[in-house]
């Protein structure tokens, strides 16, 4: 399935070791966009792949009212009804129910 993508991103590349400091330190959000290169040059394949993956939706549905696949038997719930028994959700986890993309609590 084709998925159209669009977006922009900025990456800054600096020579390897230029920011090296002894010990550990916290970095800012802007510093997460810095890549480092060695004398052999830049390899952009990994940076571009990462940006494409970050642009993709969390999940892709066949259509808006998609019922999905049964997580137990794998049957396509749009085409058939499975006989799997849904286990009750631990009530302590119920606060997480609204986090899923497209889920309406």
PDB file of N, CA and C in Angstrom:
ATOM      1  N   UNK A   1       0.846  -1.175   0.000  1.00  0.00           N
ATOM      2  CA  UNK A   1       0.000   0.000   0.000  1.00  0.00           C
ATOM      3  C   UNK A   1       0.892   1.238   0.000  1.00  0.00           C
ATOM      4  N   UNK A   2       0.573   2.189  -0.837  1.00  0.00           N
ATOM      5  CA  UNK A   2       1.332   3.430  -0.904  1.00  0.00           C
ATOM      6  C   UNK A   2       0.851   4.383   0.188  1.00  0.00           C
ATOM      7  N   UNK A   3       1.786   5.103   0.776  1.00  0.00           N
ATOM      8  CA  UNK A   3       1.465   6.068   1.815  1.00  0.00           C
ATOM      9  C   UNK A   3       2.136   7.388   1.454  1.00  0.00           C
ATOM     10  N   UNK A   4       1.363   8.399   1.037  1.00  0.00           N
ATOM     11  CA  UNK A   4       2.002   9.681   0.716  1.00  0.00           C
ATOM     12  C   UNK A   4       2.573  10.321   1.980  1.00  0.00           C
ATOM     13  N   UNK A   5       3.752  10.890   1.847  1.00  0.00           N
ATOM     14  CA  UNK A   5       4.414  11.544   2.978  1.00  0.00           C
ATOM     15  C   UNK A   5       4.801  12.957   2.587  1.00  0.00           C
ATOM     16  N   UNK A   6       4.768  13.832   3.536  1.00  0.00           N
ATOM     17  CA  UNK A   6       5.292  15.178   3.324  1.00  0.00           C
ATOM     18  C   UNK A   6       5.765  15.699   4.664  1.00  0.00           C
ATOM     19  N   UNK A   7       6.699  16.584   4.619  1.00  0.00           N
ATOM     20  CA  UNK A   7       7.212  17.152   5.851  1.00  0.00           C
ATOM     21  C   UNK A   7       8.600  17.706   5.633  1.00  0.00           C
ATOM     22  N   UNK A   8       9.088  18.396   6.627  1.00  0.00           N
ATOM     23  CA  UNK A   8      10.433  18.943   6.576  1.00  0.00           C
ATOM     24  C   UNK A   8      11.161  18.560   7.850  1.00  0.00           C
ATOM     25  N   UNK A   9      12.462  18.549   7.762  1.00  0.00           N
ATOM     26  CA  UNK A   9      13.263  18.315   8.953  1.00  0.00           C
ATOM     27  C   UNK A   9      14.610  18.992   8.763  1.00  0.00           C
ATOM     28  N   UNK A  10      15.234  19.328   9.847  1.00  0.00           N
ATOM     29  CA  UNK A  10      16.553  19.948   9.834  1.00  0.00           C
ATOM     30  C   UNK A  10      17.509  19.050  10.594  1.00  0.00           C
ATOM     31  N   UNK A  11      18.648  18.821  10.007  1.00  0.00           N
ATOM     32  CA  UNK A  11      19.713  18.090  10.676  1.00  0.00           C
ATOM     33  C   UNK A  11      20.992  18.905  10.559  1.00  0.00           C
ATOM     34  N   UNK A  12      21.734  18.919  11.601  1.00  0.00           N
ATOM     35  CA  UNK A  12      23.014  19.620  11.621  1.00  0.00           C
ATOM     36  C   UNK A  12      24.092  18.551  11.752  1.00  0.00           C
ATOM     37  N   UNK A  13      25.097  18.616  10.914  1.00  0.00           N
ATOM     38  CA  UNK A  13      26.200  17.660  10.983  1.00  0.00           C
ATOM     39  C   UNK A  13      27.470  18.382  11.391  1.00  0.00           C
ATOM     40  N   UNK A  14      28.154  17.778  12.356  1.00  0.00           N
ATOM     41  CA  UNK A  14      29.395  18.344  12.866  1.00  0.00           C
ATOM     42  C   UNK A  14      30.466  17.260  12.843  1.00  0.00           C
ATOM     43  N   UNK A  15      31.719  17.666  12.809  1.00  0.00           N
ATOM     44  CA  UNK A  15      32.789  16.668  12.835  1.00  0.00           C
ATOM     45  C   UNK A  15      32.745  15.860  14.134  1.00  0.00           C
ATOM     46  N   UNK A  16      32.993  14.564  14.030  1.00  0.00           N
ATOM     47  CA  UNK A  16      32.989  13.698  15.208  1.00  0.00           C
ATOM     48  C   UNK A  16      34.003  14.175  16.240  1.00  0.00           C
ATOM     49  N   UNK A  17      33.606  14.142  17.513  1.00  0.00           N
ATOM     50  CA  UNK A  17      34.498  14.521  18.600  1.00  0.00           C
ATOM     51  C   UNK A  17      34.536  15.999  18.914  1.00  0.00           C
ATOM     52  N   UNK A  18      33.947  16.845  18.074  1.00  0.00           N
ATOM     53  CA  UNK A  18      34.013  18.284  18.293  1.00  0.00           C
ATOM     54  C   UNK A  18      33.277  18.700  19.575  1.00  0.00           C
ATOM     55  N   UNK A  19      32.239  17.990  19.932  1.00  0.00           N
ATOM     56  CA  UNK A  19      31.469  18.327  21.139  1.00  0.00           C
ATOM     57  C   UNK A  19      31.797  17.411  22.317  1.00  0.00           C
ATOM     58  N   UNK A  20      32.833  16.623  22.174  1.00  0.00           N
ATOM     59  CA  UNK A  20      33.161  15.643  23.218  1.00  0.00           C
ATOM     60  C   UNK A  20      33.561  16.345  24.509  1.00  0.00           C
ATOM     61  N   UNK A  21      32.890  15.955  25.558  1.00  0.00           N
ATOM     62  CA  UNK A  21      33.207  16.447  26.901  1.00  0.00           C
ATOM     63  C   UNK A  21      33.329  15.231  27.799  1.00  0.00           C
ATOM     64  N   UNK A  22      34.226  15.266  28.755  1.00  0.00           N
ATOM     65  CA  UNK A  22      34.337  14.118  29.659  1.00  0.00           C
ATOM     66  C   UNK A  22      33.074  13.988  30.521  1.00  0.00           C
ATOM     67  N   UNK A  23      32.659  12.758  30.770  1.00  0.00           N
ATOM     68  CA  UNK A  23      31.494  12.518  31.611  1.00  0.00           C
ATOM     69  C   UNK A  23      30.191  12.634  30.852  1.00  0.00           C
ATOM     70  N   UNK A  24      29.104  12.494  31.593  1.00  0.00           N
ATOM     71  CA  UNK A  24      27.772  12.566  31.001  1.00  0.00           C
ATOM     72  C   UNK A  24      27.176  13.949  31.208  1.00  0.00           C
ATOM     73  N   UNK A  25      26.311  14.335  30.267  1.00  0.00           N
ATOM     74  CA  UNK A  25      25.594  15.595  30.421  1.00  0.00           C
ATOM     75  C   UNK A  25      24.258  15.485  29.706  1.00  0.00           C
ATOM     76  N   UNK A  26      23.306  16.281  30.127  1.00  0.00           N
ATOM     77  CA  UNK A  26      22.001  16.310  29.475  1.00  0.00           C
ATOM     78  C   UNK A  26      22.126  17.126  28.199  1.00  0.00           C
ATOM     79  N   UNK A  27      21.331  16.753  27.191  1.00  0.00           N
ATOM     80  CA  UNK A  27      21.330  17.521  25.948  1.00  0.00           C
ATOM     81  C   UNK A  27      19.971  18.192  25.773  1.00  0.00           C
ATOM     82  N   UNK A  28      19.970  19.252  24.998  1.00  0.00           N
ATOM     83  CA  UNK A  28      18.721  19.964  24.734  1.00  0.00           C
ATOM     84  C   UNK A  28      18.001  19.291  23.565  1.00  0.00           C
ATOM     85  N   UNK A  29      16.747  19.654  23.349  1.00  0.00           N
ATOM     86  CA  UNK A  29      15.982  19.094  22.228  1.00  0.00           C
ATOM     87  C   UNK A  29      16.636  19.447  20.892  1.00  0.00           C
ATOM     88  N   UNK A  30      17.159  20.658  20.781  1.00  0.00           N
ATOM     89  CA  UNK A  30      17.842  21.057  19.544  1.00  0.00           C
ATOM     90  C   UNK A  30      19.069  20.187  19.270  1.00  0.00           C
ATOM     91  N   UNK A  31      19.746  19.768  20.317  1.00  0.00           N
ATOM     92  CA  UNK A  31      20.947  18.951  20.146  1.00  0.00           C
ATOM     93  C   UNK A  31      20.629  17.538  19.653  1.00  0.00           C
ATOM     94  N   UNK A  32      19.370  17.119  19.748  1.00  0.00           N
ATOM     95  CA  UNK A  32      19.014  15.790  19.241  1.00  0.00           C
ATOM     96  C   UNK A  32      19.042  15.756  17.721  1.00  0.00           C
ATOM     97  N   UNK A  33      19.056  16.916  17.076  1.00  0.00           N
ATOM     98  CA  UNK A  33      19.086  16.998  15.621  1.00  0.00           C
ATOM     99  C   UNK A  33      20.505  17.093  15.068  1.00  0.00           C
ATOM    100  N   UNK A  34      21.499  16.965  15.926  1.00  0.00           N
ATOM    101  CA  UNK A  34      22.893  17.045  15.485  1.00  0.00           C
ATOM    102  C   UNK A  34      23.398  15.644  15.173  1.00  0.00           C
ATOM    103  N   UNK A  35      23.961  15.503  13.989  1.00  0.00           N
ATOM    104  CA  UNK A  35      24.611  14.256  13.604  1.00  0.00           C
ATOM    105  C   UNK A  35      26.104  14.501  13.506  1.00  0.00           C
ATOM    106  N   UNK A  36      26.891  13.462  13.649  1.00  0.00           N
ATOM    107  CA  UNK A  36      28.341  13.606  13.599  1.00  0.00           C
ATOM    108  C   UNK A  36      28.906  12.763  12.464  1.00  0.00           C
ATOM    109  N   UNK A  37      29.945  13.246  11.859  1.00  0.00           N
ATOM    110  CA  UNK A  37      30.573  12.528  10.760  1.00  0.00           C
ATOM    111  C   UNK A  37      32.068  12.398  11.011  1.00  0.00           C
ATOM    112  N   UNK A  38      32.653  11.419  10.369  1.00  0.00           N
ATOM    113  CA  UNK A  38      34.090  11.203  10.437  1.00  0.00           C
ATOM    114  C   UNK A  38      34.707  11.705   9.134  1.00  0.00           C
ATOM    115  N   UNK A  39      35.994  11.560   8.997  1.00  0.00           N
ATOM    116  CA  UNK A  39      36.684  12.057   7.807  1.00  0.00           C
ATOM    117  C   UNK A  39      36.214  11.382   6.524  1.00  0.00           C
ATOM    118  N   UNK A  40      35.644  10.187   6.640  1.00  0.00           N
ATOM    119  CA  UNK A  40      35.201   9.475   5.444  1.00  0.00           C
ATOM    120  C   UNK A  40      33.969  10.128   4.814  1.00  0.00           C
ATOM    121  N   UNK A  41      33.303  11.028   5.520  1.00  0.00           N
ATOM    122  CA  UNK A  41      32.172  11.750   4.950  1.00  0.00           C
ATOM    123  C   UNK A  41      30.854  11.419   5.619  1.00  0.00           C
ATOM    124  N   UNK A  42      29.781  11.879   5.008  1.00  0.00           N
ATOM    125  CA  UNK A  42      28.438  11.700   5.544  1.00  0.00           C
ATOM    126  C   UNK A  42      27.746  10.504   4.906  1.00  0.00           C
ATOM    127  N   UNK A  43      27.058   9.734   5.706  1.00  0.00           N
ATOM    128  CA  UNK A  43      26.180   8.684   5.213  1.00  0.00           C
ATOM    129  C   UNK A  43      24.766   9.112   5.598  1.00  0.00           C
ATOM    130  N   UNK A  44      24.010   9.567   4.634  1.00  0.00           N
ATOM    131  CA  UNK A  44      22.688  10.124   4.918  1.00  0.00           C
ATOM    132  C   UNK A  44      21.587   9.079   4.943  1.00  0.00           C
ATOM    133  N   UNK A  45      21.867   7.864   4.518  1.00  0.00           N
ATOM    134  CA  UNK A  45      20.832   6.837   4.437  1.00  0.00           C
ATOM    135  C   UNK A  45      20.109   6.634   5.772  1.00  0.00           C
ATOM    136  N   UNK A  46      20.855   6.486   6.858  1.00  0.00           N
ATOM    137  CA  UNK A  46      20.222   6.266   8.161  1.00  0.00           C
ATOM    138  C   UNK A  46      19.417   7.482   8.615  1.00  0.00           C
ATOM    139  N   UNK A  47      19.933   8.685   8.378  1.00  0.00           N
ATOM    140  CA  UNK A  47      19.225   9.899   8.792  1.00  0.00           C
ATOM    141  C   UNK A  47      17.926  10.058   8.021  1.00  0.00           C
ATOM    142  N   UNK A  48      17.940   9.803   6.731  1.00  0.00           N
ATOM    143  CA  UNK A  48      16.729   9.919   5.928  1.00  0.00           C
ATOM    144  C   UNK A  48      15.729   8.832   6.309  1.00  0.00           C
ATOM    145  N   UNK A  49      16.200   7.595   6.493  1.00  0.00           N
ATOM    146  CA  UNK A  49      15.317   6.496   6.899  1.00  0.00           C
ATOM    147  C   UNK A  49      14.614   6.841   8.218  1.00  0.00           C
ATOM    148  N   UNK A  50      15.366   7.358   9.184  1.00  0.00           N
ATOM    149  CA  UNK A  50      14.788   7.728  10.477  1.00  0.00           C
ATOM    150  C   UNK A  50      13.698   8.781  10.316  1.00  0.00           C
ATOM    151  N   UNK A  51      13.947   9.791   9.496  1.00  0.00           N
ATOM    152  CA  UNK A  51      12.962  10.852   9.302  1.00  0.00           C
ATOM    153  C   UNK A  51      11.711  10.340   8.598  1.00  0.00           C
ATOM    154  N   UNK A  52      11.873   9.437   7.639  1.00  0.00           N
ATOM    155  CA  UNK A  52      10.712   8.845   6.956  1.00  0.00           C
ATOM    156  C   UNK A  52       9.901   8.032   7.954  1.00  0.00           C
ATOM    157  N   UNK A  53      10.561   7.217   8.760  1.00  0.00           N
ATOM    158  CA  UNK A  53       9.843   6.405   9.746  1.00  0.00           C
ATOM    159  C   UNK A  53       9.108   7.269  10.765  1.00  0.00           C
ATOM    160  N   UNK A  54       9.700   8.379  11.154  1.00  0.00           N
ATOM    161  CA  UNK A  54       9.038   9.278  12.100  1.00  0.00           C
ATOM    162  C   UNK A  54       7.831   9.979  11.485  1.00  0.00           C
ATOM    163  N   UNK A  55       7.797  10.089  10.162  1.00  0.00           N
ATOM    164  CA  UNK A  55       6.693  10.737   9.465  1.00  0.00           C
ATOM    165  C   UNK A  55       5.510   9.794   9.257  1.00  0.00           C
ATOM    166  N   UNK A  56       5.772   8.486   9.219  1.00  0.00           N
ATOM    167  CA  UNK A  56       4.703   7.513   8.981  1.00  0.00           C
ATOM    168  C   UNK A  56       3.686   7.529  10.112  1.00  0.00           C
ATOM    169  N   UNK A  57       2.424   7.280   9.810  1.00  0.00           N
ATOM    170  CA  UNK A  57       1.419   7.207  10.874  1.00  0.00           C
ATOM    171  C   UNK A  57       1.697   6.006  11.786  1.00  0.00           C
ATOM    172  N   UNK A  58       1.236   6.095  13.010  1.00  0.00           N
ATOM    173  CA  UNK A  58       1.442   5.017  13.976  1.00  0.00           C
ATOM    174  C   UNK A  58       0.845   3.702  13.517  1.00  0.00           C
ATOM    175  N   UNK A  59      -0.260   3.775  12.815  1.00  0.00           N
ATOM    176  CA  UNK A  59      -0.873   2.580  12.235  1.00  0.00           C
ATOM    177  C   UNK A  59      -1.656   2.999  10.999  1.00  0.00           C
ATOM    178  N   UNK A  60      -1.781   2.075  10.076  1.00  0.00           N
ATOM    179  CA  UNK A  60      -2.494   2.344   8.839  1.00  0.00           C
ATOM    180  C   UNK A  60      -3.733   1.471   8.793  1.00  0.00           C
ATOM    181  N   UNK A  61      -4.868   2.072   8.505  1.00  0.00           N
ATOM    182  CA  UNK A  61      -6.119   1.343   8.410  1.00  0.00           C
ATOM    183  C   UNK A  61      -6.535   1.210   6.954  1.00  0.00           C
ATOM    184  N   UNK A  62      -7.233   0.131   6.648  1.00  0.00           N
ATOM    185  CA  UNK A  62      -7.719  -0.061   5.286  1.00  0.00           C
ATOM    186  C   UNK A  62      -8.830   0.941   4.962  1.00  0.00           C
ATOM    187  N   UNK A  63      -9.563   1.343   5.981  1.00  0.00           N
ATOM    188  CA  UNK A  63     -10.610   2.355   5.833  1.00  0.00           C
ATOM    189  C   UNK A  63     -10.947   2.884   7.233  1.00  0.00           C
ATOM    190  N   UNK A  64     -11.671   3.970   7.294  1.00  0.00           N
ATOM    191  CA  UNK A  64     -11.948   4.629   8.575  1.00  0.00           C
ATOM    192  C   UNK A  64     -12.675   3.729   9.575  1.00  0.00           C
ATOM    193  N   UNK A  65     -13.610   2.894   9.105  1.00  0.00           N
ATOM    194  CA  UNK A  65     -14.379   2.042  10.017  1.00  0.00           C
ATOM    195  C   UNK A  65     -13.785   0.633  10.141  1.00  0.00           C
ATOM    196  N   UNK A  66     -12.495   0.502   9.876  1.00  0.00           N
ATOM    197  CA  UNK A  66     -11.821  -0.802   9.926  1.00  0.00           C
ATOM    198  C   UNK A  66     -11.925  -1.415  11.323  1.00  0.00           C
ATOM    199  N   UNK A  67     -12.305  -2.692  11.375  1.00  0.00           N
ATOM    200  CA  UNK A  67     -12.410  -3.413  12.638  1.00  0.00           C
ATOM    201  C   UNK A  67     -11.094  -4.087  13.012  1.00  0.00           C
ATOM    202  N   UNK A  68     -10.169  -4.161  12.054  1.00  0.00           N
ATOM    203  CA  UNK A  68      -8.849  -4.714  12.338  1.00  0.00           C
ATOM    204  C   UNK A  68      -8.807  -6.225  12.338  1.00  0.00           C
ATOM    205  N   UNK A  69      -7.687  -6.740  12.803  1.00  0.00           N
ATOM    206  CA  UNK A  69      -7.475  -8.179  12.912  1.00  0.00           C
ATOM    207  C   UNK A  69      -7.595  -8.593  14.361  1.00  0.00           C
ATOM    208  N   UNK A  70      -8.091  -9.806  14.593  1.00  0.00           N
ATOM    209  CA  UNK A  70      -8.166 -10.327  15.951  1.00  0.00           C
ATOM    210  C   UNK A  70      -6.736 -10.542  16.450  1.00  0.00           C
ATOM    211  N   UNK A  71      -6.389  -9.997  17.616  1.00  0.00           N
ATOM    212  CA  UNK A  71      -5.029 -10.164  18.124  1.00  0.00           C
ATOM    213  C   UNK A  71      -4.721 -11.605  18.566  1.00  0.00           C
ATOM    214  N   UNK A  72      -5.749 -12.433  18.664  1.00  0.00           N
ATOM    215  CA  UNK A  72      -5.546 -13.813  19.123  1.00  0.00           C
ATOM    216  C   UNK A  72      -5.431 -14.789  17.956  1.00  0.00           C
ATOM    217  N   UNK A  73      -6.404 -14.769  17.040  1.00  0.00           N
ATOM    218  CA  UNK A  73      -6.409 -15.750  15.943  1.00  0.00           C
ATOM    219  C   UNK A  73      -6.020 -15.145  14.601  1.00  0.00           C
ATOM    220  N   UNK A  74      -6.010 -13.808  14.492  1.00  0.00           N
ATOM    221  CA  UNK A  74      -5.594 -13.141  13.269  1.00  0.00           C
ATOM    222  C   UNK A  74      -6.669 -12.997  12.210  1.00  0.00           C
ATOM    223  N   UNK A  75      -7.900 -13.394  12.504  1.00  0.00           N
ATOM    224  CA  UNK A  75      -8.969 -13.287  11.504  1.00  0.00           C
ATOM    225  C   UNK A  75      -9.257 -11.819  11.204  1.00  0.00           C
ATOM    226  N   UNK A  76      -9.576 -11.549   9.944  1.00  0.00           N
ATOM    227  CA  UNK A  76      -9.940 -10.201   9.526  1.00  0.00           C
ATOM    228  C   UNK A  76     -11.362  -9.940  10.014  1.00  0.00           C
ATOM    229  N   UNK A  77     -11.514  -9.067  10.988  1.00  0.00           N
ATOM    230  CA  UNK A  77     -12.823  -8.801  11.590  1.00  0.00           C
ATOM    231  C   UNK A  77     -13.775  -8.057  10.653  1.00  0.00           C
ATOM    232  N   UNK A  78     -13.277  -7.560   9.534  1.00  0.00           N
ATOM    233  CA  UNK A  78     -14.138  -6.930   8.543  1.00  0.00           C
ATOM    234  C   UNK A  78     -14.870  -7.977   7.711  1.00  0.00           C
ATOM    235  N   UNK A  79     -14.298  -9.182   7.636  1.00  0.00           N
ATOM    236  CA  UNK A  79     -14.854 -10.236   6.786  1.00  0.00           C
ATOM    237  C   UNK A  79     -15.560 -11.338   7.560  1.00  0.00           C
ATOM    238  N   UNK A  80     -15.196 -11.535   8.813  1.00  0.00           N
ATOM    239  CA  UNK A  80     -15.770 -12.633   9.590  1.00  0.00           C
ATOM    240  C   UNK A  80     -15.709 -12.302  11.076  1.00  0.00           C
ATOM    241  N   UNK A  81     -16.432 -13.088  11.841  1.00  0.00           N
ATOM    242  CA  UNK A  81     -16.423 -12.952  13.292  1.00  0.00           C
ATOM    243  C   UNK A  81     -15.715 -14.163  13.874  1.00  0.00           C
ATOM    244  N   UNK A  82     -14.748 -13.912  14.724  1.00  0.00           N
ATOM    245  CA  UNK A  82     -14.031 -15.038  15.322  1.00  0.00           C
ATOM    246  C   UNK A  82     -14.726 -15.469  16.612  1.00  0.00           C
ATOM    247  N   UNK A  83     -14.294 -16.584  17.134  1.00  0.00           N
ATOM    248  CA  UNK A  83     -14.879 -17.134  18.360  1.00  0.00           C
ATOM    249  C   UNK A  83     -14.002 -16.859  19.582  1.00  0.00           C
ATOM    250  N   UNK A  84     -13.017 -16.008  19.437  1.00  0.00           N
ATOM    251  CA  UNK A  84     -12.113 -15.723  20.556  1.00  0.00           C
ATOM    252  C   UNK A  84     -12.850 -14.973  21.659  1.00  0.00           C
ATOM    253  N   UNK A  85     -12.482 -15.253  22.873  1.00  0.00           N
ATOM    254  CA  UNK A  85     -13.088 -14.593  24.030  1.00  0.00           C
ATOM    255  C   UNK A  85     -12.169 -13.452  24.447  1.00  0.00           C
ATOM    256  N   UNK A  86     -12.732 -12.251  24.514  1.00  0.00           N
ATOM    257  CA  UNK A  86     -11.962 -11.102  24.962  1.00  0.00           C
ATOM    258  C   UNK A  86     -11.750 -11.205  26.464  1.00  0.00           C
ATOM    259  N   UNK A  87     -10.512 -11.079  26.875  1.00  0.00           N
ATOM    260  CA  UNK A  87     -10.213 -11.092  28.308  1.00  0.00           C
ATOM    261  C   UNK A  87     -10.524  -9.722  28.882  1.00  0.00           C
ATOM    262  N   UNK A  88     -11.065  -9.669  30.089  1.00  0.00           N
ATOM    263  CA  UNK A  88     -11.344  -8.361  30.688  1.00  0.00           C
ATOM    264  C   UNK A  88     -10.029  -7.602  30.922  1.00  0.00           C
ATOM    265  N   UNK A  89     -10.082  -6.295  30.716  1.00  0.00           N
ATOM    266  CA  UNK A  89      -8.904  -5.458  30.914  1.00  0.00           C
ATOM    267  C   UNK A  89      -8.730  -5.194  32.397  1.00  0.00           C
ATOM    268  N   UNK A  90      -7.503  -5.286  32.853  1.00  0.00           N
ATOM    269  CA  UNK A  90      -7.191  -4.967  34.246  1.00  0.00           C
ATOM    270  C   UNK A  90      -7.628  -3.521  34.494  1.00  0.00           C
ATOM    271  N   UNK A  91      -8.509  -3.274  35.464  1.00  0.00           N
ATOM    272  CA  UNK A  91      -9.020  -1.914  35.689  1.00  0.00           C
ATOM    273  C   UNK A  91      -7.921  -0.897  35.974  1.00  0.00           C
ATOM    274  N   UNK A  92      -6.781  -1.349  36.453  1.00  0.00           N
ATOM    275  CA  UNK A  92      -5.680  -0.411  36.712  1.00  0.00           C
ATOM    276  C   UNK A  92      -5.107   0.144  35.416  1.00  0.00           C
ATOM    277  N   UNK A  93      -5.343  -0.539  34.298  1.00  0.00           N
ATOM    278  CA  UNK A  93      -4.835  -0.098  33.006  1.00  0.00           C
ATOM    279  C   UNK A  93      -5.861   0.686  32.201  1.00  0.00           C
ATOM    280  N   UNK A  94      -7.071   0.843  32.721  1.00  0.00           N
ATOM    281  CA  UNK A  94      -8.145   1.500  31.968  1.00  0.00           C
ATOM    282  C   UNK A  94      -7.803   2.945  31.593  1.00  0.00           C
ATOM    283  N   UNK A  95      -6.963   3.615  32.375  1.00  0.00           N
ATOM    284  CA  UNK A  95      -6.588   4.988  32.057  1.00  0.00           C
ATOM    285  C   UNK A  95      -5.772   5.058  30.772  1.00  0.00           C
ATOM    286  N   UNK A  96      -5.203   3.957  30.339  1.00  0.00           N
ATOM    287  CA  UNK A  96      -4.411   3.935  29.115  1.00  0.00           C
ATOM    288  C   UNK A  96      -5.257   3.719  27.866  1.00  0.00           C
ATOM    289  N   UNK A  97      -6.530   3.396  28.021  1.00  0.00           N
ATOM    290  CA  UNK A  97      -7.390   3.049  26.886  1.00  0.00           C
ATOM    291  C   UNK A  97      -7.500   4.174  25.869  1.00  0.00           C
ATOM    292  N   UNK A  98      -7.503   5.419  26.292  1.00  0.00           N
ATOM    293  CA  UNK A  98      -7.664   6.536  25.378  1.00  0.00           C
ATOM    294  C   UNK A  98      -6.396   6.942  24.647  1.00  0.00           C
ATOM    295  N   UNK A  99      -5.281   6.303  24.938  1.00  0.00           N
ATOM    296  CA  UNK A  99      -4.001   6.676  24.326  1.00  0.00           C
ATOM    297  C   UNK A  99      -3.894   6.160  22.903  1.00  0.00           C
ATOM    298  N   UNK A 100      -4.493   5.037  22.577  1.00  0.00           N
ATOM    299  CA  UNK A 100      -4.375   4.439  21.241  1.00  0.00           C
ATOM    300  C   UNK A 100      -4.870   5.411  20.183  1.00  0.00           C
ATOM    301  N   UNK A 101      -4.159   5.488  19.060  1.00  0.00           N
ATOM    302  CA  UNK A 101      -4.517   6.380  17.967  1.00  0.00           C
ATOM    303  C   UNK A 101      -5.888   5.987  17.419  1.00  0.00           C
ATOM    304  N   UNK A 102      -6.771   6.940  17.321  1.00  0.00           N
ATOM    305  CA  UNK A 102      -8.073   6.701  16.747  1.00  0.00           C
ATOM    306  C   UNK A 102      -9.064   6.042  17.703  1.00  0.00           C
ATOM    307  N   UNK A 103      -8.650   5.728  18.915  1.00  0.00           N
ATOM    308  CA  UNK A 103      -9.530   5.074  19.879  1.00  0.00           C
ATOM    309  C   UNK A 103     -10.353   6.147  20.569  1.00  0.00           C
ATOM    310  N   UNK A 104     -11.632   5.908  20.678  1.00  0.00           N
ATOM    311  CA  UNK A 104     -12.512   6.839  21.381  1.00  0.00           C
ATOM    312  C   UNK A 104     -12.910   6.210  22.701  1.00  0.00           C
ATOM    313  N   UNK A 105     -12.496   6.796  23.797  1.00  0.00           N
ATOM    314  CA  UNK A 105     -12.798   6.246  25.118  1.00  0.00           C
ATOM    315  C   UNK A 105     -14.192   6.632  25.560  1.00  0.00           C
TER     316      UNK A 105
END
